[in-house]
Amino acid sequence: MVEYRMATVEDADTLAVIRLDFFGEGRAFSEEDKKVLLENNRSYLRESLTEGSFVAWIALSEGEIVATSGVNFYRQPPNPGCKNGQVANIANMFTYAPYRKQGIATKLFALCVEEAKKRGCGKVVLTASDMGRPLYEKYGFVDTKGDMVYTLQ
């Protein structure tokens, strides 16, 4: 049986390791990149979970984390697409392979969207992987194809 709970700051280190597992699916990273990403994710998760700007849920089977989700909250200048400027950015959606296609990600995703509603967000955004896209489209998300990114590092 899978149990769900909100993550706490005590989960930050484990969530940082799981995030590296997510990044590592189908990609190779140098040991130095892994080290930097792990430490930066630990720091980010400890801080943001404590202050509440990031909320995460985890799914557990027999006490082990089998899937994660998370949502970042931020404010942008209000605009026609988000009249109050409150934005939720869903991230960190990851399910280990043996637990996929069991509805776990769907449940975690719903918890993220519900939290965004509770906080009065006017918009929910995310970056979809090919694997996650069907779930998000089923939920009603649409691909805007208008975002551009300029990486500074």
Protein backbone atom coordinates (compact mmCIF):
# COMPACT_ATOMS: atom_id res chain seq x y z
CA MET A 1 0.00 0.00 0.00
CA VAL A 2 1.26 3.47 -0.88
CA GLU A 3 1.02 6.23 1.69
CA TYR A 4 1.25 9.95 0.97
CA ARG A 5 2.50 12.76 3.15
CA MET A 6 3.82 16.27 2.90
CA ALA A 7 7.59 16.43 3.02
CA THR A 8 9.36 18.16 5.87
CA VAL A 9 12.77 19.79 6.10
CA GLU A 10 14.01 16.47 7.52
CA ASP A 11 13.34 14.97 4.06
CA ALA A 12 15.47 17.58 2.24
CA ASP A 13 18.62 15.49 1.92
CA THR A 14 16.72 12.46 0.62
CA LEU A 15 14.74 14.61 -1.81
CA ALA A 16 18.01 16.08 -3.12
CA VAL A 17 19.33 12.57 -3.85
CA ILE A 18 16.06 11.60 -5.57
CA ARG A 19 16.26 14.74 -7.67
CA LEU A 20 19.66 13.56 -8.94
CA ASP A 21 18.05 10.19 -9.78
CA PHE A 22 15.46 12.12 -11.80
CA PHE A 23 18.12 14.12 -13.64
CA GLY A 24 20.15 10.98 -14.26
CA GLU A 25 17.45 9.12 -16.18
CA GLY A 26 18.84 8.99 -19.69
CA ARG A 27 21.57 11.55 -19.02
CA ALA A 28 25.17 11.29 -17.93
CA PHE A 29 26.64 13.77 -15.47
CA SER A 30 30.20 14.15 -14.31
CA GLU A 31 30.93 13.39 -10.68
CA GLU A 32 31.71 17.06 -10.14
CA ASP A 33 28.33 18.11 -11.60
CA LYS A 34 26.58 15.55 -9.38
CA LYS A 35 28.38 16.87 -6.32
CA VAL A 36 27.48 20.49 -7.09
CA LEU A 37 23.85 19.68 -7.94
CA LEU A 38 23.43 17.58 -4.82
CA GLU A 39 24.74 20.27 -2.49
CA ASN A 40 22.80 23.07 -4.22
CA ASN A 41 19.59 21.02 -4.10
CA ARG A 42 20.11 20.19 -0.42
CA SER A 43 20.59 23.87 0.37
CA TYR A 44 17.61 24.95 -1.73
CA LEU A 45 15.29 22.31 -0.27
CA ARG A 46 16.27 22.97 3.34
CA GLU A 47 15.67 26.70 2.92
CA SER A 48 12.54 26.62 0.77
CA LEU A 49 10.80 23.85 2.74
CA THR A 50 11.47 25.80 5.94
CA GLU A 51 10.13 29.11 4.60
CA GLY A 52 7.23 27.53 2.68
CA SER A 53 8.12 28.78 -0.80
CA PHE A 54 8.37 25.13 -1.89
CA VAL A 55 6.00 22.38 -0.81
CA ALA A 56 6.64 18.74 -1.60
CA TRP A 57 4.71 15.53 -1.22
CA ILE A 58 6.15 12.08 -1.13
CA ALA A 59 4.70 8.65 -1.74
CA LEU A 60 5.99 5.84 0.42
CA SER A 61 5.81 2.08 0.09
CA GLU A 62 6.93 0.10 3.11
CA GLY A 63 8.54 3.25 4.50
CA GLU A 64 10.64 3.95 1.39
CA ILE A 65 10.08 6.97 -0.85
CA VAL A 66 8.92 5.73 -4.26
CA ALA A 67 7.76 9.02 -5.79
CA THR A 68 7.99 12.76 -5.20
CA SER A 69 6.32 15.95 -6.27
CA GLY A 70 6.78 19.57 -5.49
CA VAL A 71 5.53 23.04 -6.17
CA ASN A 72 7.36 26.38 -6.00
CA PHE A 73 5.38 29.51 -5.23
CA TYR A 74 6.35 32.95 -6.45
CA ARG A 75 4.84 36.26 -7.43
CA GLN A 76 5.19 38.01 -10.76
CA PRO A 77 3.72 41.29 -11.96
CA PRO A 78 -0.01 40.73 -12.55
CA ASN A 79 -0.94 40.32 -16.20
CA PRO A 80 -3.93 39.15 -18.29
CA GLY A 81 -2.81 35.50 -17.96
CA CYS A 82 -2.41 35.75 -14.17
CA LYS A 83 -4.38 38.67 -12.81
CA ASN A 84 -3.15 38.35 -9.22
CA GLY A 85 0.48 37.52 -10.11
CA GLN A 86 0.56 34.46 -7.82
CA VAL A 87 2.23 31.55 -9.65
CA ALA A 88 2.74 27.91 -8.76
CA ASN A 89 5.51 26.08 -10.62
CA ILE A 90 5.16 22.31 -10.34
CA ALA A 91 8.53 20.57 -10.32
CA ASN A 92 10.26 17.52 -8.95
CA MET A 93 7.64 15.07 -10.25
CA PHE A 94 9.41 11.71 -10.21
CA THR A 95 8.36 8.10 -9.71
CA TYR A 96 10.81 5.21 -9.58
CA ALA A 97 10.29 2.77 -12.49
CA PRO A 98 8.76 -0.16 -10.53
CA TYR A 99 6.00 2.14 -9.24
CA ARG A 100 5.01 3.84 -12.49
CA LYS A 101 1.58 3.46 -14.12
CA GLN A 102 -0.12 2.91 -10.75
CA GLY A 103 -1.70 6.35 -10.31
CA ILE A 104 0.91 7.52 -7.81
CA ALA A 105 2.07 10.49 -9.88
CA THR A 106 -1.54 11.44 -10.57
CA LYS A 107 -2.25 11.60 -6.83
CA LEU A 108 0.91 13.60 -6.10
CA PHE A 109 0.15 15.96 -8.98
CA ALA A 110 -3.38 16.55 -7.67
CA LEU A 111 -1.93 17.44 -4.25
CA CYS A 112 0.29 20.08 -5.91
CA VAL A 113 -2.59 21.63 -7.84
CA GLU A 114 -4.78 21.62 -4.72
CA GLU A 115 -2.07 23.46 -2.78
CA ALA A 116 -1.85 26.05 -5.57
CA LYS A 117 -5.61 26.57 -5.33
CA LYS A 118 -5.44 26.91 -1.53
CA ARG A 119 -2.78 29.60 -1.89
CA GLY A 120 -4.83 31.54 -4.42
CA CYS A 121 -2.50 31.11 -7.36
CA GLY A 122 -3.77 32.53 -10.63
CA LYS A 123 -1.61 30.25 -12.76
CA VAL A 124 0.15 26.89 -12.53
CA VAL A 125 3.13 26.24 -14.79
CA LEU A 126 5.44 23.30 -15.32
CA THR A 127 8.01 21.85 -17.67
CA ALA A 128 6.71 18.58 -19.08
CA SER A 129 8.81 15.54 -19.80
CA ASP A 130 7.63 13.27 -22.59
CA MET A 131 6.59 10.74 -19.93
CA GLY A 132 4.65 13.29 -17.88
CA ARG A 133 2.97 15.12 -20.75
CA PRO A 134 -0.09 12.81 -21.01
CA LEU A 135 -0.87 13.26 -17.31
CA TYR A 136 -0.66 17.05 -17.55
CA GLU A 137 -2.73 17.22 -20.74
CA LYS A 138 -5.37 14.95 -19.19
CA TYR A 139 -5.52 17.38 -16.28
CA GLY A 140 -6.14 20.30 -18.68
CA PHE A 141 -2.67 21.82 -19.11
CA VAL A 142 -1.91 23.23 -22.55
CA ASP A 143 1.43 23.72 -24.25
CA THR A 144 1.98 27.44 -24.78
CA LYS A 145 5.15 27.06 -26.87
CA GLY A 146 6.01 30.67 -26.18
CA ASP A 147 8.59 30.50 -23.42
CA MET A 148 12.21 31.13 -24.19
CA VAL A 149 15.18 30.59 -21.90
CA TYR A 150 18.54 32.32 -21.68
CA THR A 151 20.92 30.43 -19.40
CA LEU A 152 23.37 32.61 -17.49
CA GLN A 153 25.65 29.86 -16.16
